[in-house]
Amino acid sequence: MDQFDVKLLQALQANGRLSNFELADVVGLSASQCSRRRAALEDAGAIASYHAHLDREVLGLGIVVFVQVTLATHSPDNSRRFLKLIESLEEVQEAYALTGEADYLIKVTITDLKALSRLLNEVFLPHDSVAHVRSSIVLDRLKQTSQLPLGHLIPAEARAAESSASRRKGSSRLRRSRKS
């Protein structure tokens, strides 16, 4: 993977609908080269899928909650039962197995507090795999991105050259602003 592939990935993360002609402008290659590189990145699995990003609030999903779950027993069967539960709930957006006090951290997107109460009290708590549930309602989202950090994929020499060019640009802007 070279810096052109990284630029292509960064551009597609920002806007997955870019055509190969639009990518060519961003990446600095021809449209046919972008097409070949995109296909190679898809074949290699670096580009896993394309999808529409929906706005949860516009769709009436006004509440995001993080739910910490501790299992009743730590056995493979119990973990499988809990996994089946999580997979069956469309409100669950993400689920992580953890180290520490809680066994799982679950991100839930839901319509309102009544629906949250039902989910916690009628689904999670009575489930035989669950011992303890603790929820935290999100008050404000400070940052959200689905874009992965890709700077580590750029060769060190290219990063150094880019940093040097950026410093020169900043330095010339500073000189121009001092003259003004």
C-alpha atoms as a PDB file:
ATOM      1  CA  MET A   1       0.000   0.000   0.000  1.00  0.00           C
ATOM      2  CA  ASP A   2       1.428   3.372  -0.980  1.00  0.00           C
ATOM      3  CA  GLN A   3       0.449   6.991  -0.374  1.00  0.00           C
ATOM      4  CA  PHE A   4      -1.930   6.991  -3.373  1.00  0.00           C
ATOM      5  CA  ASP A   5      -3.842   4.049  -1.890  1.00  0.00           C
ATOM      6  CA  VAL A   6      -4.012   5.838   1.458  1.00  0.00           C
ATOM      7  CA  LYS A   7      -5.291   9.037  -0.197  1.00  0.00           C
ATOM      8  CA  LEU A   8      -7.874   6.966  -2.073  1.00  0.00           C
ATOM      9  CA  LEU A   9      -9.018   5.291   1.164  1.00  0.00           C
ATOM     10  CA  GLN A  10      -9.193   8.612   2.997  1.00  0.00           C
ATOM     11  CA  ALA A  11     -11.254  10.163   0.206  1.00  0.00           C
ATOM     12  CA  LEU A  12     -13.656   7.212   0.078  1.00  0.00           C
ATOM     13  CA  GLN A  13     -14.058   7.262   3.862  1.00  0.00           C
ATOM     14  CA  ALA A  14     -15.119  10.884   3.639  1.00  0.00           C
ATOM     15  CA  ASN A  15     -17.447  10.249   0.676  1.00  0.00           C
ATOM     16  CA  GLY A  16     -18.041   6.699  -0.548  1.00  0.00           C
ATOM     17  CA  ARG A  17     -20.018   7.977  -3.541  1.00  0.00           C
ATOM     18  CA  LEU A  18     -17.015   9.543  -5.281  1.00  0.00           C
ATOM     19  CA  SER A  19     -16.658   8.489  -8.894  1.00  0.00           C
ATOM     20  CA  ASN A  20     -13.282   7.422 -10.221  1.00  0.00           C
ATOM     21  CA  PHE A  21     -13.057  10.801 -12.002  1.00  0.00           C
ATOM     22  CA  GLU A  22     -13.639  12.641  -8.717  1.00  0.00           C
ATOM     23  CA  LEU A  23     -11.155  10.362  -6.948  1.00  0.00           C
ATOM     24  CA  ALA A  24      -8.586  11.148  -9.636  1.00  0.00           C
ATOM     25  CA  ASP A  25      -8.756  14.848  -8.725  1.00  0.00           C
ATOM     26  CA  VAL A  26      -8.314  14.112  -5.029  1.00  0.00           C
ATOM     27  CA  VAL A  27      -5.638  11.427  -5.318  1.00  0.00           C
ATOM     28  CA  GLY A  28      -3.636  12.849  -8.202  1.00  0.00           C
ATOM     29  CA  LEU A  29      -3.916   9.864 -10.535  1.00  0.00           C
ATOM     30  CA  SER A  30      -5.938   9.113 -13.655  1.00  0.00           C
ATOM     31  CA  ALA A  31      -9.483   7.812 -13.317  1.00  0.00           C
ATOM     32  CA  SER A  32      -8.448   4.418 -14.739  1.00  0.00           C
ATOM     33  CA  GLN A  33      -5.621   4.110 -12.195  1.00  0.00           C
ATOM     34  CA  CYS A  34      -8.075   4.995  -9.407  1.00  0.00           C
ATOM     35  CA  SER A  35     -10.495   2.386 -10.706  1.00  0.00           C
ATOM     36  CA  ARG A  36      -7.808  -0.335 -10.701  1.00  0.00           C
ATOM     37  CA  ARG A  37      -6.573   0.657  -7.254  1.00  0.00           C
ATOM     38  CA  ARG A  38     -10.112   0.777  -5.826  1.00  0.00           C
ATOM     39  CA  ALA A  39     -10.830  -2.704  -7.238  1.00  0.00           C
ATOM     40  CA  ALA A  40      -7.564  -4.042  -5.770  1.00  0.00           C
ATOM     41  CA  LEU A  41      -8.386  -2.550  -2.346  1.00  0.00           C
ATOM     42  CA  GLU A  42     -11.865  -4.086  -2.504  1.00  0.00           C
ATOM     43  CA  ASP A  43     -10.421  -7.493  -3.492  1.00  0.00           C
ATOM     44  CA  ALA A  44      -7.891  -7.295  -0.643  1.00  0.00           C
ATOM     45  CA  GLY A  45     -10.690  -6.541   1.838  1.00  0.00           C
ATOM     46  CA  ALA A  46      -9.357  -3.083   2.778  1.00  0.00           C
ATOM     47  CA  ILE A  47     -12.656  -1.676   1.489  1.00  0.00           C
ATOM     48  CA  ALA A  48     -15.197  -3.930   3.161  1.00  0.00           C
ATOM     49  CA  SER A  49     -18.442  -2.327   1.962  1.00  0.00           C
ATOM     50  CA  TYR A  50     -20.267   0.812   0.929  1.00  0.00           C
ATOM     51  CA  HIS A  51     -23.377   2.008   2.713  1.00  0.00           C
ATOM     52  CA  ALA A  52     -25.636   4.977   3.336  1.00  0.00           C
ATOM     53  CA  HIS A  53     -25.133   6.751   6.665  1.00  0.00           C
ATOM     54  CA  LEU A  54     -28.602   7.411   8.072  1.00  0.00           C
ATOM     55  CA  ASP A  55     -29.407  10.231  10.485  1.00  0.00           C
ATOM     56  CA  ARG A  56     -30.814   8.586  13.619  1.00  0.00           C
ATOM     57  CA  GLU A  57     -32.501  11.741  14.928  1.00  0.00           C
ATOM     58  CA  VAL A  58     -34.312  12.428  11.654  1.00  0.00           C
ATOM     59  CA  LEU A  59     -35.536   8.818  11.810  1.00  0.00           C
ATOM     60  CA  GLY A  60     -36.922   9.237  15.351  1.00  0.00           C
ATOM     61  CA  LEU A  61     -34.125   7.510  17.247  1.00  0.00           C
ATOM     62  CA  GLY A  62     -33.415  10.281  19.725  1.00  0.00           C
ATOM     63  CA  ILE A  63     -31.618   8.381  22.467  1.00  0.00           C
ATOM     64  CA  VAL A  64     -28.231   6.681  22.527  1.00  0.00           C
ATOM     65  CA  VAL A  65     -27.426   4.553  25.571  1.00  0.00           C
ATOM     66  CA  PHE A  66     -24.366   2.595  26.624  1.00  0.00           C
ATOM     67  CA  VAL A  67     -25.302  -0.491  28.592  1.00  0.00           C
ATOM     68  CA  GLN A  68     -22.758  -2.397  30.678  1.00  0.00           C
ATOM     69  CA  VAL A  69     -23.696  -6.026  31.213  1.00  0.00           C
ATOM     70  CA  THR A  70     -22.245  -8.525  33.671  1.00  0.00           C
ATOM     71  CA  LEU A  71     -23.070 -12.157  32.992  1.00  0.00           C
ATOM     72  CA  ALA A  72     -24.642 -14.430  35.583  1.00  0.00           C
ATOM     73  CA  THR A  73     -22.038 -17.134  34.959  1.00  0.00           C
ATOM     74  CA  HIS A  74     -18.909 -17.209  32.862  1.00  0.00           C
ATOM     75  CA  SER A  75     -19.385 -20.271  30.713  1.00  0.00           C
ATOM     76  CA  PRO A  76     -19.332 -20.793  26.956  1.00  0.00           C
ATOM     77  CA  ASP A  77     -23.044 -21.715  26.975  1.00  0.00           C
ATOM     78  CA  ASN A  78     -24.004 -18.563  28.860  1.00  0.00           C
ATOM     79  CA  SER A  79     -21.903 -16.399  26.537  1.00  0.00           C
ATOM     80  CA  ARG A  80     -23.607 -17.987  23.517  1.00  0.00           C
ATOM     81  CA  ARG A  81     -27.056 -17.300  25.014  1.00  0.00           C
ATOM     82  CA  PHE A  82     -26.125 -13.674  25.568  1.00  0.00           C
ATOM     83  CA  LEU A  83     -24.716 -13.374  22.038  1.00  0.00           C
ATOM     84  CA  LYS A  84     -28.000 -14.730  20.631  1.00  0.00           C
ATOM     85  CA  LEU A  85     -29.883 -12.104  22.632  1.00  0.00           C
ATOM     86  CA  ILE A  86     -27.677  -9.277  21.354  1.00  0.00           C
ATOM     87  CA  GLU A  87     -27.952 -10.452  17.749  1.00  0.00           C
ATOM     88  CA  SER A  88     -31.754 -10.508  17.999  1.00  0.00           C
ATOM     89  CA  LEU A  89     -32.076  -6.861  19.076  1.00  0.00           C
ATOM     90  CA  GLU A  90     -32.154  -4.319  16.255  1.00  0.00           C
ATOM     91  CA  GLU A  91     -31.669  -1.507  18.806  1.00  0.00           C
ATOM     92  CA  VAL A  92     -28.143  -2.795  19.513  1.00  0.00           C
ATOM     93  CA  GLN A  93     -25.761  -0.944  17.233  1.00  0.00           C
ATOM     94  CA  GLU A  94     -22.472  -2.191  18.676  1.00  0.00           C
ATOM     95  CA  ALA A  95     -21.447  -4.743  21.278  1.00  0.00           C
ATOM     96  CA  TYR A  96     -18.031  -5.365  22.782  1.00  0.00           C
ATOM     97  CA  ALA A  97     -16.653  -8.038  25.104  1.00  0.00           C
ATOM     98  CA  LEU A  98     -14.531  -6.315  27.754  1.00  0.00           C
ATOM     99  CA  THR A  99     -11.983  -6.816  30.456  1.00  0.00           C
ATOM    100  CA  GLY A 100     -12.690  -5.137  33.776  1.00  0.00           C
ATOM    101  CA  GLU A 101     -15.849  -4.942  35.878  1.00  0.00           C
ATOM    102  CA  ALA A 102     -18.413  -5.390  33.099  1.00  0.00           C
ATOM    103  CA  ASP A 103     -18.327  -8.290  30.669  1.00  0.00           C
ATOM    104  CA  TYR A 104     -19.923  -6.405  27.771  1.00  0.00           C
ATOM    105  CA  LEU A 105     -20.492  -2.840  26.610  1.00  0.00           C
ATOM    106  CA  ILE A 106     -23.523  -2.430  24.373  1.00  0.00           C
ATOM    107  CA  LYS A 107     -24.399   0.671  22.341  1.00  0.00           C
ATOM    108  CA  VAL A 108     -28.152   1.007  21.941  1.00  0.00           C
ATOM    109  CA  THR A 109     -30.014   3.481  19.756  1.00  0.00           C
ATOM    110  CA  ILE A 110     -33.651   3.844  20.733  1.00  0.00           C
ATOM    111  CA  THR A 111     -36.705   6.074  20.279  1.00  0.00           C
ATOM    112  CA  ASP A 112     -37.417   7.277  23.816  1.00  0.00           C
ATOM    113  CA  LEU A 113     -37.060   6.592  27.540  1.00  0.00           C
ATOM    114  CA  LYS A 114     -40.134   4.370  27.617  1.00  0.00           C
ATOM    115  CA  ALA A 115     -38.607   2.110  24.966  1.00  0.00           C
ATOM    116  CA  LEU A 116     -35.334   2.093  26.921  1.00  0.00           C
ATOM    117  CA  SER A 117     -37.137   1.091  30.104  1.00  0.00           C
ATOM    118  CA  ARG A 118     -38.852  -1.754  28.273  1.00  0.00           C
ATOM    119  CA  LEU A 119     -35.551  -2.948  26.761  1.00  0.00           C
ATOM    120  CA  LEU A 120     -33.732  -2.922  30.091  1.00  0.00           C
ATOM    121  CA  ASN A 121     -36.538  -4.244  32.321  1.00  0.00           C
ATOM    122  CA  GLU A 122     -38.253  -6.678  29.984  1.00  0.00           C
ATOM    123  CA  VAL A 123     -35.387  -7.911  27.810  1.00  0.00           C
ATOM    124  CA  PHE A 124     -31.970  -7.558  29.434  1.00  0.00           C
ATOM    125  CA  LEU A 125     -32.675  -7.970  33.147  1.00  0.00           C
ATOM    126  CA  PRO A 126     -34.932 -11.063  32.958  1.00  0.00           C
ATOM    127  CA  HIS A 127     -32.609 -12.863  30.527  1.00  0.00           C
ATOM    128  CA  ASP A 128     -31.084 -15.911  32.234  1.00  0.00           C
ATOM    129  CA  SER A 129     -27.560 -15.082  31.037  1.00  0.00           C
ATOM    130  CA  VAL A 130     -27.540 -11.620  32.658  1.00  0.00           C
ATOM    131  CA  ALA A 131     -26.674 -10.856  36.287  1.00  0.00           C
ATOM    132  CA  HIS A 132     -26.263  -7.071  36.280  1.00  0.00           C
ATOM    133  CA  VAL A 133     -27.059  -4.174  33.936  1.00  0.00           C
ATOM    134  CA  ARG A 134     -25.949  -0.568  34.214  1.00  0.00           C
ATOM    135  CA  SER A 135     -26.931   2.028  31.634  1.00  0.00           C
ATOM    136  CA  SER A 136     -25.659   5.496  30.773  1.00  0.00           C
ATOM    137  CA  ILE A 137     -27.724   7.788  28.575  1.00  0.00           C
ATOM    138  CA  VAL A 138     -25.728   9.951  26.180  1.00  0.00           C
ATOM    139  CA  LEU A 139     -26.378  13.643  26.855  1.00  0.00           C
ATOM    140  CA  ASP A 140     -24.313  15.047  23.994  1.00  0.00           C
ATOM    141  CA  ARG A 141     -22.144  13.555  21.275  1.00  0.00           C
ATOM    142  CA  LEU A 142     -18.773  15.291  21.214  1.00  0.00           C
ATOM    143  CA  LYS A 143     -17.374  13.410  18.229  1.00  0.00           C
ATOM    144  CA  GLN A 144     -18.587  10.753  15.849  1.00  0.00           C
ATOM    145  CA  THR A 145     -16.708   9.262  12.965  1.00  0.00           C
ATOM    146  CA  SER A 146     -16.605   6.005  11.142  1.00  0.00           C
ATOM    147  CA  GLN A 147     -13.328   7.001   9.509  1.00  0.00           C
ATOM    148  CA  LEU A 148     -10.319   4.957  10.524  1.00  0.00           C
ATOM    149  CA  PRO A 149      -6.979   6.705  11.212  1.00  0.00           C
ATOM    150  CA  LEU A 150      -4.726   5.872   8.249  1.00  0.00           C
ATOM    151  CA  GLY A 151      -1.616   7.960   8.939  1.00  0.00           C
ATOM    152  CA  HIS A 152       0.340   4.893  10.011  1.00  0.00           C
ATOM    153  CA  LEU A 153       0.013   3.513   6.450  1.00  0.00           C
ATOM    154  CA  ILE A 154       1.889   6.437   4.890  1.00  0.00           C
ATOM    155  CA  PRO A 155       5.626   5.707   4.616  1.00  0.00           C
ATOM    156  CA  ALA A 156       7.729   7.770   7.027  1.00  0.00           C
ATOM    157  CA  GLU A 157       9.524   9.561   4.167  1.00  0.00           C
ATOM    158  CA  ALA A 158       6.227  10.693   2.656  1.00  0.00           C
ATOM    159  CA  ARG A 159       4.956  11.899   6.049  1.00  0.00           C
ATOM    160  CA  ALA A 160       8.174  13.870   6.558  1.00  0.00           C
ATOM    161  CA  ALA A 161       7.933  15.444   3.091  1.00  0.00           C
ATOM    162  CA  GLU A 162       4.255  16.316   3.640  1.00  0.00           C
ATOM    163  CA  SER A 163       5.041  17.823   7.050  1.00  0.00           C
ATOM    164  CA  SER A 164       7.897  19.845   5.592  1.00  0.00           C
ATOM    165  CA  ALA A 165       5.688  21.156   2.756  1.00  0.00           C
ATOM    166  CA  SER A 166       2.979  22.043   5.274  1.00  0.00           C
ATOM    167  CA  ARG A 167       5.467  23.980   7.410  1.00  0.00           C
ATOM    168  CA  ARG A 168       6.700  25.884   4.321  1.00  0.00           C
ATOM    169  CA  LYS A 169       3.102  26.817   3.424  1.00  0.00           C
ATOM    170  CA  GLY A 170       2.438  28.023   6.964  1.00  0.00           C
ATOM    171  CA  SER A 171       5.671  29.978   7.013  1.00  0.00           C
ATOM    172  CA  SER A 172       4.882  31.754   3.712  1.00  0.00           C
ATOM    173  CA  ARG A 173       1.353  32.602   4.949  1.00  0.00           C
ATOM    174  CA  LEU A 174       2.845  34.055   8.111  1.00  0.00           C
ATOM    175  CA  ARG A 175       5.259  36.228   6.079  1.00  0.00           C
ATOM    176  CA  ARG A 176       2.386  37.449   3.880  1.00  0.00           C
ATOM    177  CA  SER A 177       0.217  38.303   6.905  1.00  0.00           C
ATOM    178  CA  ARG A 178       3.085  40.252   8.509  1.00  0.00           C
ATOM    179  CA  LYS A 179       3.475  42.319   5.317  1.00  0.00           C
ATOM    180  CA  SER A 180      -0.242  43.188   5.354  1.00  0.00           C
END
